[in-house]
Amino acid sequence: MTLRFADTTSARVFRETVVDCDPPEDPSLLVVEFRLRVLRGRWHLLFLWECILNTPLFVGFPGLVSKLWLDRDERDRYRGLYEWNDAAGAGFYARSLWRVLELVCPRGSIHYRVVPGFRRDAVLRDPQLLASVAPEDGAAWWRLVEAVRAGPARAAAPSARAFMPSSILRSITRLPGSIT
């Protein structure tokens, strides 16, 4: 699946993590965007592998429901599209993530947007749901405008299961072709 955003960029989903939990009572969407200072070009694959090692760190945050991991876009920016049980949990996670990312990202290249009241899968089915959130910002980097389903799944970043059992991860990792 490829996600297209209002700022005319797009990125391929290379991984999905889903926490085994009840559906959110007060769902919130979190979109995070950042550009890495050092890992560009051929070091990109190293970053994709490193994402797997970080999974236990973010899965432990209370309220996480799911994350779509997006590859770098045309401007070398990475994104994550998360669903949280509530906006407070999403905001707390985003601020915590910021502290880690600022070690490896140029100043001013980290952004996040918490969008309360939206389920991830609903927005993937109908991205126009987000148009009502900030209609004055037609080129928002965080606003999804299209989710393009790909054909059969191709080889992607390795599964986290190769490194540790899912009982430790408390998540289910799926290839992009299986994302609903």
Protein backbone atom coordinates (compact mmCIF):
# COMPACT_ATOMS: atom_id res chain seq x y z
CA MET A 1 0.00 0.00 0.00
CA THR A 2 1.18 3.52 -0.79
CA LEU A 3 -0.14 6.55 1.08
CA ARG A 4 -0.39 9.93 -0.65
CA PHE A 5 -0.49 13.16 1.36
CA ALA A 6 -1.84 16.66 0.75
CA ASP A 7 1.69 18.06 0.37
CA THR A 8 1.96 15.97 -2.87
CA THR A 9 4.34 13.40 -1.36
CA SER A 10 3.75 9.68 -1.05
CA ALA A 11 5.33 6.79 0.81
CA ARG A 12 5.06 3.02 0.75
CA VAL A 13 3.92 1.17 3.87
CA PHE A 14 6.67 -1.32 4.62
CA ARG A 15 5.39 -2.74 7.88
CA GLU A 16 2.41 -2.82 10.19
CA THR A 17 2.38 -3.43 13.92
CA VAL A 18 -0.89 -4.19 15.69
CA VAL A 19 -1.23 -4.54 19.45
CA ASP A 20 -3.53 -7.29 20.67
CA CYS A 21 -6.06 -5.14 22.56
CA ASP A 22 -9.71 -4.12 22.65
CA PRO A 23 -10.91 -1.54 20.08
CA PRO A 24 -10.25 2.04 21.23
CA GLU A 25 -12.99 3.81 23.17
CA ASP A 26 -11.87 7.30 22.14
CA PRO A 27 -9.69 6.70 19.05
CA SER A 28 -7.04 9.14 17.92
CA LEU A 29 -4.89 9.20 14.85
CA LEU A 30 -1.24 10.24 15.24
CA VAL A 31 0.90 11.12 12.23
CA VAL A 32 4.63 11.60 12.81
CA GLU A 33 7.10 12.90 10.23
CA PHE A 34 10.88 13.25 10.47
CA ARG A 35 14.03 13.42 8.35
CA LEU A 36 17.16 11.62 9.48
CA ARG A 37 20.43 13.55 9.62
CA VAL A 38 22.84 10.70 8.92
CA LEU A 39 21.07 7.67 7.49
CA ARG A 40 20.42 8.53 3.86
CA GLY A 41 21.17 6.83 0.58
CA ARG A 42 22.48 3.30 0.95
CA TRP A 43 22.16 3.42 4.74
CA HIS A 44 18.40 3.49 4.32
CA LEU A 45 18.11 -0.32 4.59
CA LEU A 46 19.95 -0.22 7.92
CA PHE A 47 17.26 2.11 9.24
CA LEU A 48 14.50 -0.27 8.13
CA TRP A 49 16.15 -3.10 10.08
CA GLU A 50 16.68 -0.85 13.08
CA CYS A 51 12.94 -0.15 13.19
CA ILE A 52 12.35 -3.77 14.17
CA LEU A 53 14.65 -3.44 17.16
CA ASN A 54 12.69 -0.37 18.33
CA THR A 55 9.35 -2.18 18.31
CA PRO A 56 9.45 -3.29 21.98
CA LEU A 57 10.15 0.32 23.01
CA PHE A 58 7.02 1.88 21.53
CA VAL A 59 4.67 -1.10 21.89
CA GLY A 60 4.98 -0.70 25.66
CA PHE A 61 3.31 2.73 25.62
CA PRO A 62 -0.20 2.41 27.06
CA GLY A 63 -2.94 3.02 24.54
CA LEU A 64 -1.13 2.10 21.33
CA VAL A 65 -3.46 0.25 18.97
CA SER A 66 -1.47 0.08 15.71
CA LYS A 67 1.26 1.63 13.61
CA LEU A 68 1.86 1.77 9.87
CA TRP A 69 5.56 2.22 9.12
CA LEU A 70 6.10 4.37 6.03
CA ASP A 71 9.20 4.36 3.90
CA ARG A 72 10.90 7.65 3.06
CA ASP A 73 9.03 9.94 0.69
CA GLU A 74 10.33 12.02 -2.22
CA ARG A 75 11.78 14.54 0.26
CA ASP A 76 13.61 11.88 2.34
CA ARG A 77 11.08 12.16 5.18
CA TYR A 78 9.78 9.15 7.06
CA ARG A 79 6.30 8.93 8.55
CA GLY A 80 4.42 6.76 10.96
CA LEU A 81 0.63 6.54 11.01
CA TYR A 82 -0.60 5.39 14.42
CA GLU A 83 -3.91 4.69 16.06
CA TRP A 84 -4.16 5.30 19.81
CA ASN A 85 -6.83 4.65 22.39
CA ASP A 86 -6.98 8.38 23.17
CA ALA A 87 -5.46 11.73 22.24
CA ALA A 88 -3.60 12.13 25.55
CA GLY A 89 -1.70 8.86 25.03
CA ALA A 90 -0.89 9.79 21.43
CA GLY A 91 0.44 13.19 22.48
CA PHE A 92 2.53 11.75 25.31
CA TYR A 93 4.08 9.20 22.95
CA ALA A 94 4.79 11.86 20.28
CA ARG A 95 6.57 14.10 22.79
CA SER A 96 8.59 11.13 24.08
CA LEU A 97 9.50 10.09 20.54
CA TRP A 98 10.56 13.66 19.77
CA ARG A 99 13.24 13.49 22.49
CA VAL A 100 14.76 10.41 20.86
CA LEU A 101 14.45 11.64 17.27
CA GLU A 102 16.08 15.00 17.98
CA LEU A 103 19.35 13.10 18.52
CA VAL A 104 19.39 11.91 14.88
CA CYS A 105 17.28 14.50 13.01
CA PRO A 106 18.12 18.02 11.84
CA ARG A 107 16.51 20.81 13.84
CA GLY A 108 13.03 21.60 12.60
CA SER A 109 12.54 18.31 10.74
CA ILE A 110 10.37 16.53 13.33
CA HIS A 111 6.61 17.08 13.23
CA TYR A 112 3.55 15.37 14.61
CA ARG A 113 -0.19 15.82 14.49
CA VAL A 114 -2.74 14.24 16.84
CA VAL A 115 -6.19 13.97 15.29
CA PRO A 116 -8.78 12.93 17.90
CA GLY A 117 -11.90 11.01 16.97
CA PHE A 118 -10.57 9.10 13.96
CA ARG A 119 -9.90 5.37 13.46
CA ARG A 120 -6.97 4.50 11.24
CA ASP A 121 -8.84 2.02 9.06
CA ALA A 122 -11.72 4.45 8.52
CA VAL A 123 -9.28 7.11 7.31
CA LEU A 124 -7.53 4.60 5.03
CA ARG A 125 -10.92 3.71 3.46
CA ASP A 126 -12.01 7.36 3.17
CA PRO A 127 -9.11 9.86 3.49
CA GLN A 128 -11.52 12.74 2.86
CA LEU A 129 -12.65 12.35 6.47
CA LEU A 130 -9.56 14.40 7.40
CA ALA A 131 -10.51 17.32 5.14
CA SER A 132 -12.76 18.70 7.88
CA VAL A 133 -9.97 18.82 10.49
CA ALA A 134 -8.02 21.78 9.06
CA PRO A 135 -9.70 22.87 5.81
CA GLU A 136 -7.57 26.02 5.64
CA ASP A 137 -4.39 23.93 5.30
CA GLY A 138 -4.86 22.27 1.92
CA ALA A 139 -1.22 21.14 1.65
CA ALA A 140 -0.83 19.62 5.12
CA TRP A 141 2.04 17.13 5.34
CA TRP A 142 -0.02 14.96 7.70
CA ARG A 143 -3.29 14.85 5.80
CA LEU A 144 -3.79 11.60 3.95
CA VAL A 145 -5.54 12.10 0.61
CA GLU A 146 -5.29 8.62 -0.91
CA ALA A 147 -4.42 5.06 0.08
CA VAL A 148 -3.42 3.06 -2.98
CA ARG A 149 -3.62 -0.68 -2.53
CA ALA A 150 -0.73 -2.52 -4.14
CA GLY A 151 -0.72 -5.89 -5.83
CA PRO A 152 0.77 -8.96 -4.15
CA ALA A 153 3.13 -8.27 -1.25
CA ARG A 154 6.77 -8.15 -2.20
CA ALA A 155 9.76 -8.71 0.02
CA ALA A 156 9.86 -6.03 2.68
CA ALA A 157 11.85 -5.26 5.77
CA PRO A 158 12.34 -8.38 7.87
CA SER A 159 9.75 -9.32 10.41
CA ALA A 160 10.30 -8.55 14.08
CA ARG A 161 9.50 -12.21 14.74
CA ALA A 162 12.99 -13.09 13.49
CA PHE A 163 14.43 -11.38 16.56
CA MET A 164 12.05 -12.10 19.44
CA PRO A 165 8.77 -13.91 20.08
CA SER A 166 5.50 -12.05 19.74
CA SER A 167 4.78 -12.63 23.43
CA ILE A 168 7.58 -10.16 24.15
CA LEU A 169 6.58 -7.75 21.39
CA ARG A 170 2.89 -7.93 22.30
CA SER A 171 2.22 -7.12 18.69
CA ILE A 172 1.37 -8.74 15.41
CA THR A 173 3.54 -7.72 12.47
CA ARG A 174 2.07 -8.08 8.99
CA LEU A 175 3.43 -7.56 5.53
CA PRO A 176 2.02 -4.62 3.54
CA GLY A 177 -0.07 -6.91 1.31
CA SER A 178 -2.11 -8.03 4.31
CA ILE A 179 -2.96 -4.55 5.58
CA THR A 180 -6.67 -3.86 5.53
